[in-house]
Amino acid sequence: MDAKQHKHFKIHKPYGMLSQFASNSTQQKRKHFLGELGNFPESIMPIGRLDEKSEGLLLLTTDGKISNYINSNGVEKEYYALVDGAISESQITQLQKGVEIGFDGKKYQTKPCKVLKLETPPLLPNRSKKIRDARHGPTSWISITLTEGKFRQVRKMTSAIGCPTLRLVRFRIGKIRLDNMKVGDVNAINILAEL
């Protein structure tokens, strides 16, 4: 199939939605799925995942080769994470160098990555579920850019340094950015031009 015939979308995945299309499982009847955001081609698939409690940029495609390329070739994924506590420079250095997390029942050392403390909170839409506020102790925003994507990796990394993640928003995949998309927005894109 010619690449131009494939369809590609970027969406702003809401908090509380699964990164998949409807399941017939009776356990998941009350869950929210990507199909609620619009009418997508039958062969559509998410490129990577965001867990149910994470928000932000998710790419969808009908092209398995593009999906495999993004997931397997070290394409950068940038996240904004609101973490519990006043994160220190030494904790940021730990994240940058890599930390040990659990993955598939084994210990896993994360690869070196880019981490910055954000002096001002990023401009993001309010989340549908309230996040605890500063009355319960200090919080910090960080930007973390990975070239890998293990299950719940950012959450596991911030927990490993003693600063659990309170809110997680993926902002960028390669050169494709969330920009000013509203929660639940769906935009058709030319993914080949934007990677």
Protein backbone atom coordinates (compact mmCIF):
# COMPACT_ATOMS: atom_id res chain seq x y z
CA MET A 1 0.00 0.00 0.00
CA ASP A 2 1.34 3.44 -0.92
CA ALA A 3 2.25 5.52 2.14
CA LYS A 4 0.06 8.39 0.92
CA GLN A 5 -3.03 6.19 1.22
CA HIS A 6 -2.44 5.62 4.92
CA LYS A 7 -4.17 7.84 7.46
CA HIS A 8 -2.42 9.40 10.44
CA PHE A 9 -3.78 11.45 13.33
CA LYS A 10 -2.52 13.20 16.41
CA ILE A 11 -4.87 13.37 19.36
CA HIS A 12 -4.88 14.95 22.79
CA LYS A 13 -5.75 11.88 24.86
CA PRO A 14 -7.86 12.77 27.88
CA TYR A 15 -7.16 11.61 31.43
CA GLY A 16 -9.11 8.42 32.17
CA MET A 17 -9.18 7.08 28.59
CA LEU A 18 -7.48 3.85 27.49
CA SER A 19 -5.03 4.03 24.57
CA GLN A 20 -6.96 1.42 22.60
CA PHE A 21 -10.15 0.89 20.71
CA ALA A 22 -13.21 -0.78 22.27
CA SER A 23 -12.87 -4.19 23.83
CA ASN A 24 -15.56 -6.83 24.17
CA SER A 25 -14.40 -7.58 27.71
CA THR A 26 -17.20 -7.25 30.24
CA GLN A 27 -14.67 -5.92 32.74
CA GLN A 28 -14.04 -2.92 30.48
CA LYS A 29 -17.64 -1.92 29.75
CA ARG A 30 -17.36 1.22 31.89
CA LYS A 31 -14.01 2.28 30.42
CA HIS A 32 -13.46 5.03 27.84
CA PHE A 33 -11.78 4.19 24.51
CA LEU A 34 -10.20 6.16 21.66
CA GLY A 35 -13.16 5.48 19.35
CA GLU A 36 -15.19 7.98 21.40
CA LEU A 37 -13.07 10.79 19.91
CA GLY A 38 -14.20 10.32 16.30
CA ASN A 39 -14.74 8.04 13.32
CA PHE A 40 -11.42 6.42 12.48
CA PRO A 41 -10.47 4.04 9.65
CA GLU A 42 -10.97 0.36 10.50
CA SER A 43 -7.25 -0.52 10.54
CA ILE A 44 -6.25 2.36 12.85
CA MET A 45 -3.82 1.67 15.71
CA PRO A 46 -2.15 3.78 18.39
CA ILE A 47 1.61 4.27 18.09
CA GLY A 48 2.74 3.38 21.58
CA ARG A 49 0.48 3.95 24.54
CA LEU A 50 -0.34 6.32 27.34
CA ASP A 51 -1.73 4.69 30.45
CA GLU A 52 -5.26 5.51 31.59
CA LYS A 53 -4.11 8.20 34.05
CA SER A 54 -1.75 9.88 31.57
CA GLU A 55 -2.73 12.57 29.09
CA GLY A 56 -1.45 14.30 26.02
CA LEU A 57 -0.07 13.51 22.60
CA LEU A 58 -0.94 10.14 21.10
CA LEU A 59 -0.39 9.30 17.44
CA LEU A 60 -2.68 7.00 15.48
CA THR A 61 -1.89 5.38 12.13
CA THR A 62 -3.07 2.77 9.67
CA ASP A 63 0.60 2.08 8.76
CA GLY A 64 2.27 -0.60 10.89
CA LYS A 65 5.70 0.30 9.45
CA ILE A 66 5.43 3.86 10.77
CA SER A 67 4.31 2.53 14.15
CA ASN A 68 7.26 0.14 14.29
CA TYR A 69 9.70 2.88 13.22
CA ILE A 70 8.62 5.27 16.00
CA ASN A 71 8.59 2.54 18.65
CA SER A 72 11.91 0.92 17.64
CA ASN A 73 14.23 3.68 16.44
CA GLY A 74 14.89 5.90 19.42
CA VAL A 75 12.45 8.65 18.44
CA GLU A 76 12.33 11.17 21.31
CA LYS A 77 9.22 11.40 23.45
CA GLU A 78 8.96 14.43 25.75
CA TYR A 79 6.75 14.44 28.83
CA TYR A 80 5.78 17.07 31.38
CA ALA A 81 5.49 15.52 34.82
CA LEU A 82 4.13 17.13 37.97
CA VAL A 83 5.92 15.33 40.78
CA ASP A 84 5.36 15.19 44.53
CA GLY A 85 7.98 17.14 46.46
CA ALA A 86 10.59 19.81 45.75
CA ILE A 87 12.81 17.89 43.31
CA SER A 88 16.53 18.45 43.89
CA GLU A 89 19.41 18.78 41.41
CA SER A 90 20.79 15.45 42.61
CA GLN A 91 17.44 13.75 41.93
CA ILE A 92 17.37 15.29 38.44
CA THR A 93 20.93 13.99 37.86
CA GLN A 94 19.82 10.50 38.94
CA LEU A 95 17.01 10.57 36.37
CA GLN A 96 19.38 11.87 33.67
CA LYS A 97 21.89 9.07 34.28
CA GLY A 98 19.24 6.34 34.52
CA VAL A 99 17.57 4.63 37.46
CA GLU A 100 16.63 1.07 38.27
CA ILE A 101 12.94 0.24 37.84
CA GLY A 102 10.92 -2.96 37.74
CA PHE A 103 9.80 -4.17 34.32
CA ASP A 104 8.25 -7.57 33.51
CA GLY A 105 9.16 -8.84 36.97
CA LYS A 106 12.86 -8.00 36.49
CA LYS A 107 15.09 -5.07 37.38
CA TYR A 108 15.72 -2.69 34.49
CA GLN A 109 18.22 0.19 34.25
CA THR A 110 16.74 3.07 32.27
CA LYS A 111 18.83 4.68 29.54
CA PRO A 112 20.32 8.16 30.03
CA CYS A 113 17.75 10.84 29.18
CA LYS A 114 17.18 14.60 29.21
CA VAL A 115 15.54 16.02 32.34
CA LEU A 116 14.95 19.69 33.23
CA LYS A 117 13.17 21.31 36.14
CA LEU A 118 10.55 23.74 34.79
CA GLU A 119 10.64 27.01 36.69
CA THR A 120 7.07 27.86 35.63
CA PRO A 121 4.29 25.29 35.13
CA PRO A 122 3.59 24.42 31.49
CA LEU A 123 0.44 25.89 29.95
CA LEU A 124 -1.87 22.88 29.93
CA PRO A 125 -5.65 22.51 30.07
CA ASN A 126 -7.05 21.72 33.49
CA ARG A 127 -7.31 18.01 34.15
CA SER A 128 -10.77 16.47 34.51
CA LYS A 129 -9.83 14.97 37.88
CA LYS A 130 -8.52 17.32 40.56
CA ILE A 131 -4.86 17.04 41.51
CA ARG A 132 -3.82 17.67 45.09
CA ASP A 133 -2.63 21.23 45.64
CA ALA A 134 0.30 22.89 47.41
CA ARG A 135 -1.50 22.84 50.79
CA HIS A 136 -0.46 19.18 50.96
CA GLY A 137 3.24 19.93 50.40
CA PRO A 138 5.47 21.18 47.56
CA THR A 139 5.31 19.91 43.98
CA SER A 140 7.65 20.36 40.99
CA TRP A 141 7.19 20.29 37.23
CA ILE A 142 9.87 18.57 35.13
CA SER A 143 10.38 17.93 31.44
CA ILE A 144 11.68 14.42 30.74
CA THR A 145 12.69 13.26 27.25
CA LEU A 146 13.10 9.53 26.60
CA THR A 147 14.13 7.48 23.58
CA GLU A 148 12.60 4.33 25.07
CA GLY A 149 9.13 3.63 26.38
CA LYS A 150 8.70 0.86 28.89
CA PHE A 151 5.29 0.42 30.52
CA ARG A 152 4.65 3.30 32.97
CA GLN A 153 8.33 4.21 32.70
CA VAL A 154 8.19 7.89 33.71
CA ARG A 155 6.01 7.10 36.73
CA LYS A 156 8.38 4.32 37.81
CA MET A 157 11.43 6.57 37.32
CA THR A 158 10.09 9.45 39.43
CA SER A 159 8.98 7.00 42.15
CA ALA A 160 12.49 5.50 42.17
CA ILE A 161 13.94 8.87 43.20
CA GLY A 162 11.24 9.54 45.82
CA CYS A 163 9.09 11.99 43.81
CA PRO A 164 5.97 10.13 42.63
CA THR A 165 4.23 11.51 39.54
CA LEU A 166 0.95 13.33 40.22
CA ARG A 167 0.20 14.30 36.61
CA LEU A 168 1.81 13.14 33.36
CA VAL A 169 1.34 14.77 29.96
CA ARG A 170 3.18 13.68 26.79
CA PHE A 171 3.99 16.85 24.89
CA ARG A 172 6.13 15.73 21.94
CA ILE A 173 6.99 12.71 19.77
CA GLY A 174 9.92 13.49 17.44
CA LYS A 175 9.02 16.89 15.96
CA ILE A 176 5.27 16.40 16.43
CA ARG A 177 3.99 18.52 19.32
CA LEU A 178 0.78 18.77 21.31
CA ASP A 179 0.90 22.56 20.91
CA ASN A 180 -2.46 24.18 21.68
CA MET A 181 -4.69 21.16 21.13
CA LYS A 182 -7.63 20.94 23.52
CA VAL A 183 -8.34 17.74 25.42
CA GLY A 184 -10.03 15.27 23.06
CA ASP A 185 -8.98 17.11 19.86
CA VAL A 186 -8.16 14.97 16.81
CA ASN A 187 -6.07 16.37 13.91
CA ALA A 188 -5.24 14.55 10.68
CA ILE A 189 -1.51 14.92 9.95
CA ASN A 190 1.08 14.06 7.31
CA ILE A 191 3.21 11.99 9.65
CA LEU A 192 6.06 11.48 7.16
CA ALA A 193 6.54 15.24 6.79
CA GLU A 194 6.42 15.83 10.55
CA LEU A 195 8.79 13.14 11.81
